[in-house]
Amino acid sequence: MNYIFDEILYKRKIHLLFSQETIGELMYAIKRLMNKFNIPNGQSLANLKEIAYFFYYSESVNTKYFTVNCKLL
């Protein structure tokens, strides 16, 4: 995942935006999927830490008042 972060987010200057609600839902959904597919606990925790890493370096937004305009690459 660090390759993805370094190569795509920094070089292409993509900004990740999360709200408290969306990051919580993402963590919950990933945890459920890992449990469903019997991913070992150590690997599951590592995956959740990577998501937390992305959240830490993203921008927090209030999705009630925020809209995103983007163009296709």
PDB file of N, CA and C in Angstrom:
ATOM      1  N   MET A   1       0.813  -1.197   0.000  1.00  0.00           N
ATOM      2  CA  MET A   1       0.000   0.000   0.000  1.00  0.00           C
ATOM      3  C   MET A   1       0.855   1.260   0.000  1.00  0.00           C
ATOM      4  N   ASN A   2       2.017   1.222   0.594  1.00  0.00           N
ATOM      5  CA  ASN A   2       2.849   2.414   0.588  1.00  0.00           C
ATOM      6  C   ASN A   2       3.254   2.792  -0.825  1.00  0.00           C
ATOM      7  N   TYR A   3       3.427   1.802  -1.707  1.00  0.00           N
ATOM      8  CA  TYR A   3       3.716   2.090  -3.118  1.00  0.00           C
ATOM      9  C   TYR A   3       2.577   2.915  -3.716  1.00  0.00           C
ATOM     10  N   ILE A   4       1.355   2.497  -3.448  1.00  0.00           N
ATOM     11  CA  ILE A   4       0.199   3.217  -3.960  1.00  0.00           C
ATOM     12  C   ILE A   4       0.207   4.643  -3.427  1.00  0.00           C
ATOM     13  N   PHE A   5       0.460   4.780  -2.153  1.00  0.00           N
ATOM     14  CA  PHE A   5       0.462   6.110  -1.540  1.00  0.00           C
ATOM     15  C   PHE A   5       1.542   6.985  -2.157  1.00  0.00           C
ATOM     16  N   ASP A   6       2.747   6.458  -2.255  1.00  0.00           N
ATOM     17  CA  ASP A   6       3.863   7.251  -2.766  1.00  0.00           C
ATOM     18  C   ASP A   6       3.720   7.579  -4.247  1.00  0.00           C
ATOM     19  N   GLU A   7       3.435   6.589  -5.064  1.00  0.00           N
ATOM     20  CA  GLU A   7       3.421   6.776  -6.506  1.00  0.00           C
ATOM     21  C   GLU A   7       2.200   7.540  -7.004  1.00  0.00           C
ATOM     22  N   ILE A   8       1.045   7.217  -6.498  1.00  0.00           N
ATOM     23  CA  ILE A   8      -0.177   7.808  -7.034  1.00  0.00           C
ATOM     24  C   ILE A   8      -0.545   9.094  -6.315  1.00  0.00           C
ATOM     25  N   LEU A   9      -0.586   9.053  -5.006  1.00  0.00           N
ATOM     26  CA  LEU A   9      -1.068  10.219  -4.280  1.00  0.00           C
ATOM     27  C   LEU A   9      -0.103  11.394  -4.337  1.00  0.00           C
ATOM     28  N   TYR A  10       1.196  11.122  -4.182  1.00  0.00           N
ATOM     29  CA  TYR A  10       2.156  12.223  -4.213  1.00  0.00           C
ATOM     30  C   TYR A  10       2.458  12.697  -5.627  1.00  0.00           C
ATOM     31  N   LYS A  11       2.767  11.781  -6.530  1.00  0.00           N
ATOM     32  CA  LYS A  11       3.171  12.185  -7.877  1.00  0.00           C
ATOM     33  C   LYS A  11       2.019  12.765  -8.681  1.00  0.00           C
ATOM     34  N   ARG A  12       0.836  12.219  -8.532  1.00  0.00           N
ATOM     35  CA  ARG A  12      -0.313  12.741  -9.272  1.00  0.00           C
ATOM     36  C   ARG A  12      -1.088  13.775  -8.474  1.00  0.00           C
ATOM     37  N   LYS A  13      -0.670  13.981  -7.245  1.00  0.00           N
ATOM     38  CA  LYS A  13      -1.273  14.980  -6.367  1.00  0.00           C
ATOM     39  C   LYS A  13      -2.770  14.762  -6.176  1.00  0.00           C
ATOM     40  N   ILE A  14      -3.113  13.525  -5.909  1.00  0.00           N
ATOM     41  CA  ILE A  14      -4.496  13.175  -5.607  1.00  0.00           C
ATOM     42  C   ILE A  14      -4.730  13.440  -4.125  1.00  0.00           C
ATOM     43  N   HIS A  15      -5.844  14.061  -3.797  1.00  0.00           N
ATOM     44  CA  HIS A  15      -6.163  14.366  -2.407  1.00  0.00           C
ATOM     45  C   HIS A  15      -7.277  13.437  -1.936  1.00  0.00           C
ATOM     46  N   LEU A  16      -7.007  12.719  -0.866  1.00  0.00           N
ATOM     47  CA  LEU A  16      -8.038  11.878  -0.266  1.00  0.00           C
ATOM     48  C   LEU A  16      -8.863  12.719   0.685  1.00  0.00           C
ATOM     49  N   LEU A  17     -10.172  12.555   0.616  1.00  0.00           N
ATOM     50  CA  LEU A  17     -11.085  13.268   1.488  1.00  0.00           C
ATOM     51  C   LEU A  17     -11.934  12.260   2.239  1.00  0.00           C
ATOM     52  N   PHE A  18     -11.994  12.382   3.537  1.00  0.00           N
ATOM     53  CA  PHE A  18     -12.805  11.504   4.363  1.00  0.00           C
ATOM     54  C   PHE A  18     -13.583  12.342   5.362  1.00  0.00           C
ATOM     55  N   SER A  19     -14.744  11.849   5.710  1.00  0.00           N
ATOM     56  CA  SER A  19     -15.445  12.415   6.861  1.00  0.00           C
ATOM     57  C   SER A  19     -15.329  11.385   7.972  1.00  0.00           C
ATOM     58  N   GLN A  20     -15.676  11.782   9.171  1.00  0.00           N
ATOM     59  CA  GLN A  20     -15.633  10.821  10.276  1.00  0.00           C
ATOM     60  C   GLN A  20     -16.545   9.641   9.999  1.00  0.00           C
ATOM     61  N   GLU A  21     -17.668   9.906   9.369  1.00  0.00           N
ATOM     62  CA  GLU A  21     -18.614   8.836   9.074  1.00  0.00           C
ATOM     63  C   GLU A  21     -18.085   7.895   7.999  1.00  0.00           C
ATOM     64  N   THR A  22     -17.496   8.436   6.943  1.00  0.00           N
ATOM     65  CA  THR A  22     -17.051   7.569   5.851  1.00  0.00           C
ATOM     66  C   THR A  22     -15.858   6.720   6.243  1.00  0.00           C
ATOM     67  N   ILE A  23     -14.930   7.253   7.031  1.00  0.00           N
ATOM     68  CA  ILE A  23     -13.781   6.437   7.430  1.00  0.00           C
ATOM     69  C   ILE A  23     -14.238   5.326   8.370  1.00  0.00           C
ATOM     70  N   GLY A  24     -15.180   5.621   9.237  1.00  0.00           N
ATOM     71  CA  GLY A  24     -15.711   4.588  10.128  1.00  0.00           C
ATOM     72  C   GLY A  24     -16.416   3.490   9.356  1.00  0.00           C
ATOM     73  N   GLU A  25     -17.211   3.878   8.373  1.00  0.00           N
ATOM     74  CA  GLU A  25     -17.912   2.889   7.553  1.00  0.00           C
ATOM     75  C   GLU A  25     -16.934   2.050   6.743  1.00  0.00           C
ATOM     76  N   LEU A  26     -15.895   2.685   6.200  1.00  0.00           N
ATOM     77  CA  LEU A  26     -14.890   1.952   5.433  1.00  0.00           C
ATOM     78  C   LEU A  26     -14.169   0.938   6.312  1.00  0.00           C
ATOM     79  N   MET A  27     -13.757   1.345   7.504  1.00  0.00           N
ATOM     80  CA  MET A  27     -13.064   0.432   8.421  1.00  0.00           C
ATOM     81  C   MET A  27     -13.972  -0.737   8.792  1.00  0.00           C
ATOM     82  N   TYR A  28     -15.224  -0.444   9.073  1.00  0.00           N
ATOM     83  CA  TYR A  28     -16.177  -1.489   9.445  1.00  0.00           C
ATOM     84  C   TYR A  28     -16.392  -2.465   8.289  1.00  0.00           C
ATOM     85  N   ALA A  29     -16.568  -1.951   7.081  1.00  0.00           N
ATOM     86  CA  ALA A  29     -16.813  -2.812   5.921  1.00  0.00           C
ATOM     87  C   ALA A  29     -15.601  -3.698   5.639  1.00  0.00           C
ATOM     88  N   ILE A  30     -14.404  -3.136   5.711  1.00  0.00           N
ATOM     89  CA  ILE A  30     -13.192  -3.926   5.471  1.00  0.00           C
ATOM     90  C   ILE A  30     -13.031  -4.997   6.548  1.00  0.00           C
ATOM     91  N   LYS A  31     -13.287  -4.633   7.792  1.00  0.00           N
ATOM     92  CA  LYS A  31     -13.193  -5.611   8.887  1.00  0.00           C
ATOM     93  C   LYS A  31     -14.167  -6.766   8.664  1.00  0.00           C
ATOM     94  N   ARG A  32     -15.395  -6.455   8.280  1.00  0.00           N
ATOM     95  CA  ARG A  32     -16.389  -7.504   8.017  1.00  0.00           C
ATOM     96  C   ARG A  32     -15.955  -8.422   6.885  1.00  0.00           C
ATOM     97  N   LEU A  33     -15.431  -7.837   5.806  1.00  0.00           N
ATOM     98  CA  LEU A  33     -14.963  -8.650   4.682  1.00  0.00           C
ATOM     99  C   LEU A  33     -13.798  -9.559   5.083  1.00  0.00           C
ATOM    100  N   MET A  34     -12.871  -9.032   5.854  1.00  0.00           N
ATOM    101  CA  MET A  34     -11.724  -9.848   6.281  1.00  0.00           C
ATOM    102  C   MET A  34     -12.187 -10.983   7.187  1.00  0.00           C
ATOM    103  N   ASN A  35     -13.151 -10.706   8.053  1.00  0.00           N
ATOM    104  CA  ASN A  35     -13.698 -11.774   8.894  1.00  0.00           C
ATOM    105  C   ASN A  35     -14.426 -12.815   8.055  1.00  0.00           C
ATOM    106  N   LYS A  36     -15.185 -12.363   7.063  1.00  0.00           N
ATOM    107  CA  LYS A  36     -15.944 -13.271   6.196  1.00  0.00           C
ATOM    108  C   LYS A  36     -15.016 -14.217   5.442  1.00  0.00           C
ATOM    109  N   PHE A  37     -13.877 -13.711   4.994  1.00  0.00           N
ATOM    110  CA  PHE A  37     -12.941 -14.528   4.221  1.00  0.00           C
ATOM    111  C   PHE A  37     -11.830 -15.132   5.073  1.00  0.00           C
ATOM    112  N   ASN A  38     -12.012 -15.097   6.392  1.00  0.00           N
ATOM    113  CA  ASN A  38     -11.080 -15.724   7.334  1.00  0.00           C
ATOM    114  C   ASN A  38      -9.636 -15.282   7.140  1.00  0.00           C
ATOM    115  N   ILE A  39      -9.442 -13.992   6.963  1.00  0.00           N
ATOM    116  CA  ILE A  39      -8.091 -13.440   6.865  1.00  0.00           C
ATOM    117  C   ILE A  39      -7.482 -13.506   8.273  1.00  0.00           C
ATOM    118  N   PRO A  40      -6.238 -13.977   8.389  1.00  0.00           N
ATOM    119  CA  PRO A  40      -5.607 -14.069   9.721  1.00  0.00           C
ATOM    120  C   PRO A  40      -5.584 -12.716  10.433  1.00  0.00           C
ATOM    121  N   ASN A  41      -5.671 -12.762  11.756  1.00  0.00           N
ATOM    122  CA  ASN A  41      -5.749 -11.537  12.557  1.00  0.00           C
ATOM    123  C   ASN A  41      -4.602 -10.580  12.303  1.00  0.00           C
ATOM    124  N   GLY A  42      -3.385 -11.091  12.203  1.00  0.00           N
ATOM    125  CA  GLY A  42      -2.230 -10.220  11.967  1.00  0.00           C
ATOM    126  C   GLY A  42      -2.339  -9.471  10.650  1.00  0.00           C
ATOM    127  N   GLN A  43      -2.776 -10.169   9.612  1.00  0.00           N
ATOM    128  CA  GLN A  43      -2.938  -9.535   8.303  1.00  0.00           C
ATOM    129  C   GLN A  43      -4.103  -8.548   8.321  1.00  0.00           C
ATOM    130  N   SER A  44      -5.180  -8.911   9.009  1.00  0.00           N
ATOM    131  CA  SER A  44      -6.335  -8.006   9.118  1.00  0.00           C
ATOM    132  C   SER A  44      -5.944  -6.705   9.805  1.00  0.00           C
ATOM    133  N   LEU A  45      -5.203  -6.833  10.880  1.00  0.00           N
ATOM    134  CA  LEU A  45      -4.768  -5.640  11.606  1.00  0.00           C
ATOM    135  C   LEU A  45      -3.844  -4.786  10.740  1.00  0.00           C
ATOM    136  N   ALA A  46      -2.969  -5.423   9.991  1.00  0.00           N
ATOM    137  CA  ALA A  46      -2.072  -4.683   9.102  1.00  0.00           C
ATOM    138  C   ALA A  46      -2.879  -3.925   8.041  1.00  0.00           C
ATOM    139  N   ASN A  47      -3.906  -4.548   7.499  1.00  0.00           N
ATOM    140  CA  ASN A  47      -4.750  -3.888   6.495  1.00  0.00           C
ATOM    141  C   ASN A  47      -5.483  -2.696   7.098  1.00  0.00           C
ATOM    142  N   LEU A  48      -6.011  -2.849   8.301  1.00  0.00           N
ATOM    143  CA  LEU A  48      -6.709  -1.738   8.960  1.00  0.00           C
ATOM    144  C   LEU A  48      -5.740  -0.598   9.279  1.00  0.00           C
ATOM    145  N   LYS A  49      -4.510  -0.942   9.623  1.00  0.00           N
ATOM    146  CA  LYS A  49      -3.505   0.093   9.876  1.00  0.00           C
ATOM    147  C   LYS A  49      -3.196   0.872   8.608  1.00  0.00           C
ATOM    148  N   GLU A  50      -3.170   0.187   7.465  1.00  0.00           N
ATOM    149  CA  GLU A  50      -2.931   0.881   6.197  1.00  0.00           C
ATOM    150  C   GLU A  50      -4.063   1.867   5.890  1.00  0.00           C
ATOM    151  N   ILE A  51      -5.293   1.457   6.169  1.00  0.00           N
ATOM    152  CA  ILE A  51      -6.427   2.361   5.956  1.00  0.00           C
ATOM    153  C   ILE A  51      -6.305   3.561   6.893  1.00  0.00           C
ATOM    154  N   ALA A  52      -5.918   3.313   8.134  1.00  0.00           N
ATOM    155  CA  ALA A  52      -5.719   4.404   9.086  1.00  0.00           C
ATOM    156  C   ALA A  52      -4.601   5.333   8.607  1.00  0.00           C
ATOM    157  N   TYR A  53      -3.579   4.783   7.988  1.00  0.00           N
ATOM    158  CA  TYR A  53      -2.476   5.565   7.423  1.00  0.00           C
ATOM    159  C   TYR A  53      -3.007   6.517   6.354  1.00  0.00           C
ATOM    160  N   PHE A  54      -3.849   5.993   5.454  1.00  0.00           N
ATOM    161  CA  PHE A  54      -4.450   6.845   4.433  1.00  0.00           C
ATOM    162  C   PHE A  54      -5.297   7.936   5.076  1.00  0.00           C
ATOM    163  N   PHE A  55      -6.073   7.586   6.085  1.00  0.00           N
ATOM    164  CA  PHE A  55      -6.921   8.565   6.759  1.00  0.00           C
ATOM    165  C   PHE A  55      -6.085   9.656   7.420  1.00  0.00           C
ATOM    166  N   TYR A  56      -4.995   9.262   8.042  1.00  0.00           N
ATOM    167  CA  TYR A  56      -4.133  10.221   8.732  1.00  0.00           C
ATOM    168  C   TYR A  56      -3.597  11.278   7.760  1.00  0.00           C
ATOM    169  N   TYR A  57      -3.250  10.853   6.550  1.00  0.00           N
ATOM    170  CA  TYR A  57      -2.678  11.778   5.573  1.00  0.00           C
ATOM    171  C   TYR A  57      -3.719  12.355   4.609  1.00  0.00           C
ATOM    172  N   SER A  58      -4.975  12.171   4.911  1.00  0.00           N
ATOM    173  CA  SER A  58      -6.032  12.732   4.066  1.00  0.00           C
ATOM    174  C   SER A  58      -6.569  14.006   4.704  1.00  0.00           C
ATOM    175  N   GLU A  59      -7.491  14.623   4.019  1.00  0.00           N
ATOM    176  CA  GLU A  59      -8.161  15.800   4.568  1.00  0.00           C
ATOM    177  C   GLU A  59      -9.502  15.385   5.138  1.00  0.00           C
ATOM    178  N   SER A  60      -9.835  15.936   6.274  1.00  0.00           N
ATOM    179  CA  SER A  60     -11.138  15.679   6.878  1.00  0.00           C
ATOM    180  C   SER A  60     -12.119  16.728   6.376  1.00  0.00           C
ATOM    181  N   VAL A  61     -13.285  16.283   5.983  1.00  0.00           N
ATOM    182  CA  VAL A  61     -14.289  17.199   5.452  1.00  0.00           C
ATOM    183  C   VAL A  61     -15.640  16.908   6.101  1.00  0.00           C
ATOM    184  N   ASN A  62     -16.477  17.920   6.100  1.00  0.00           N
ATOM    185  CA  ASN A  62     -17.855  17.758   6.528  1.00  0.00           C
ATOM    186  C   ASN A  62     -18.665  17.503   5.265  1.00  0.00           C
ATOM    187  N   THR A  63     -19.123  16.288   5.073  1.00  0.00           N
ATOM    188  CA  THR A  63     -19.799  15.932   3.818  1.00  0.00           C
ATOM    189  C   THR A  63     -21.174  16.569   3.681  1.00  0.00           C
ATOM    190  N   LYS A  64     -21.683  17.132   4.743  1.00  0.00           N
ATOM    191  CA  LYS A  64     -22.980  17.798   4.649  1.00  0.00           C
ATOM    192  C   LYS A  64     -22.880  19.071   3.811  1.00  0.00           C
ATOM    193  N   TYR A  65     -21.743  19.745   3.872  1.00  0.00           N
ATOM    194  CA  TYR A  65     -21.575  21.016   3.185  1.00  0.00           C
ATOM    195  C   TYR A  65     -20.487  20.992   2.121  1.00  0.00           C
ATOM    196  N   PHE A  66     -19.996  19.825   1.748  1.00  0.00           N
ATOM    197  CA  PHE A  66     -18.843  19.735   0.861  1.00  0.00           C
ATOM    198  C   PHE A  66     -19.199  18.961  -0.401  1.00  0.00           C
ATOM    199  N   THR A  67     -18.839  19.500  -1.536  1.00  0.00           N
ATOM    200  CA  THR A  67     -19.017  18.785  -2.799  1.00  0.00           C
ATOM    201  C   THR A  67     -17.666  18.718  -3.507  1.00  0.00           C
ATOM    202  N   VAL A  68     -17.480  17.708  -4.322  1.00  0.00           N
ATOM    203  CA  VAL A  68     -16.234  17.522  -5.045  1.00  0.00           C
ATOM    204  C   VAL A  68     -16.511  17.599  -6.530  1.00  0.00           C
ATOM    205  N   ASN A  69     -15.761  18.429  -7.213  1.00  0.00           N
ATOM    206  CA  ASN A  69     -15.805  18.492  -8.669  1.00  0.00           C
ATOM    207  C   ASN A  69     -14.512  17.879  -9.178  1.00  0.00           C
ATOM    208  N   CYS A  70     -14.608  16.925 -10.064  1.00  0.00           N
ATOM    209  CA  CYS A  70     -13.398  16.314 -10.589  1.00  0.00           C
ATOM    210  C   CYS A  70     -13.537  16.114 -12.088  1.00  0.00           C
ATOM    211  N   LYS A  71     -12.409  16.044 -12.728  1.00  0.00           N
ATOM    212  CA  LYS A  71     -12.400  15.793 -14.163  1.00  0.00           C
ATOM    213  C   LYS A  71     -11.786  14.425 -14.400  1.00  0.00           C
ATOM    214  N   LEU A  72     -12.200  13.772 -15.433  1.00  0.00           N
ATOM    215  CA  LEU A  72     -11.656  12.473 -15.785  1.00  0.00           C
ATOM    216  C   LEU A  72     -10.259  12.640 -16.316  1.00  0.00           C
ATOM    217  N   LEU A  73      -9.400  11.698 -15.964  1.00  0.00           N
ATOM    218  CA  LEU A  73      -8.008  11.756 -16.437  1.00  0.00           C
ATOM    219  C   LEU A  73      -7.888  11.271 -17.843  1.00  0.00           C
TER     220      LEU A  73
END
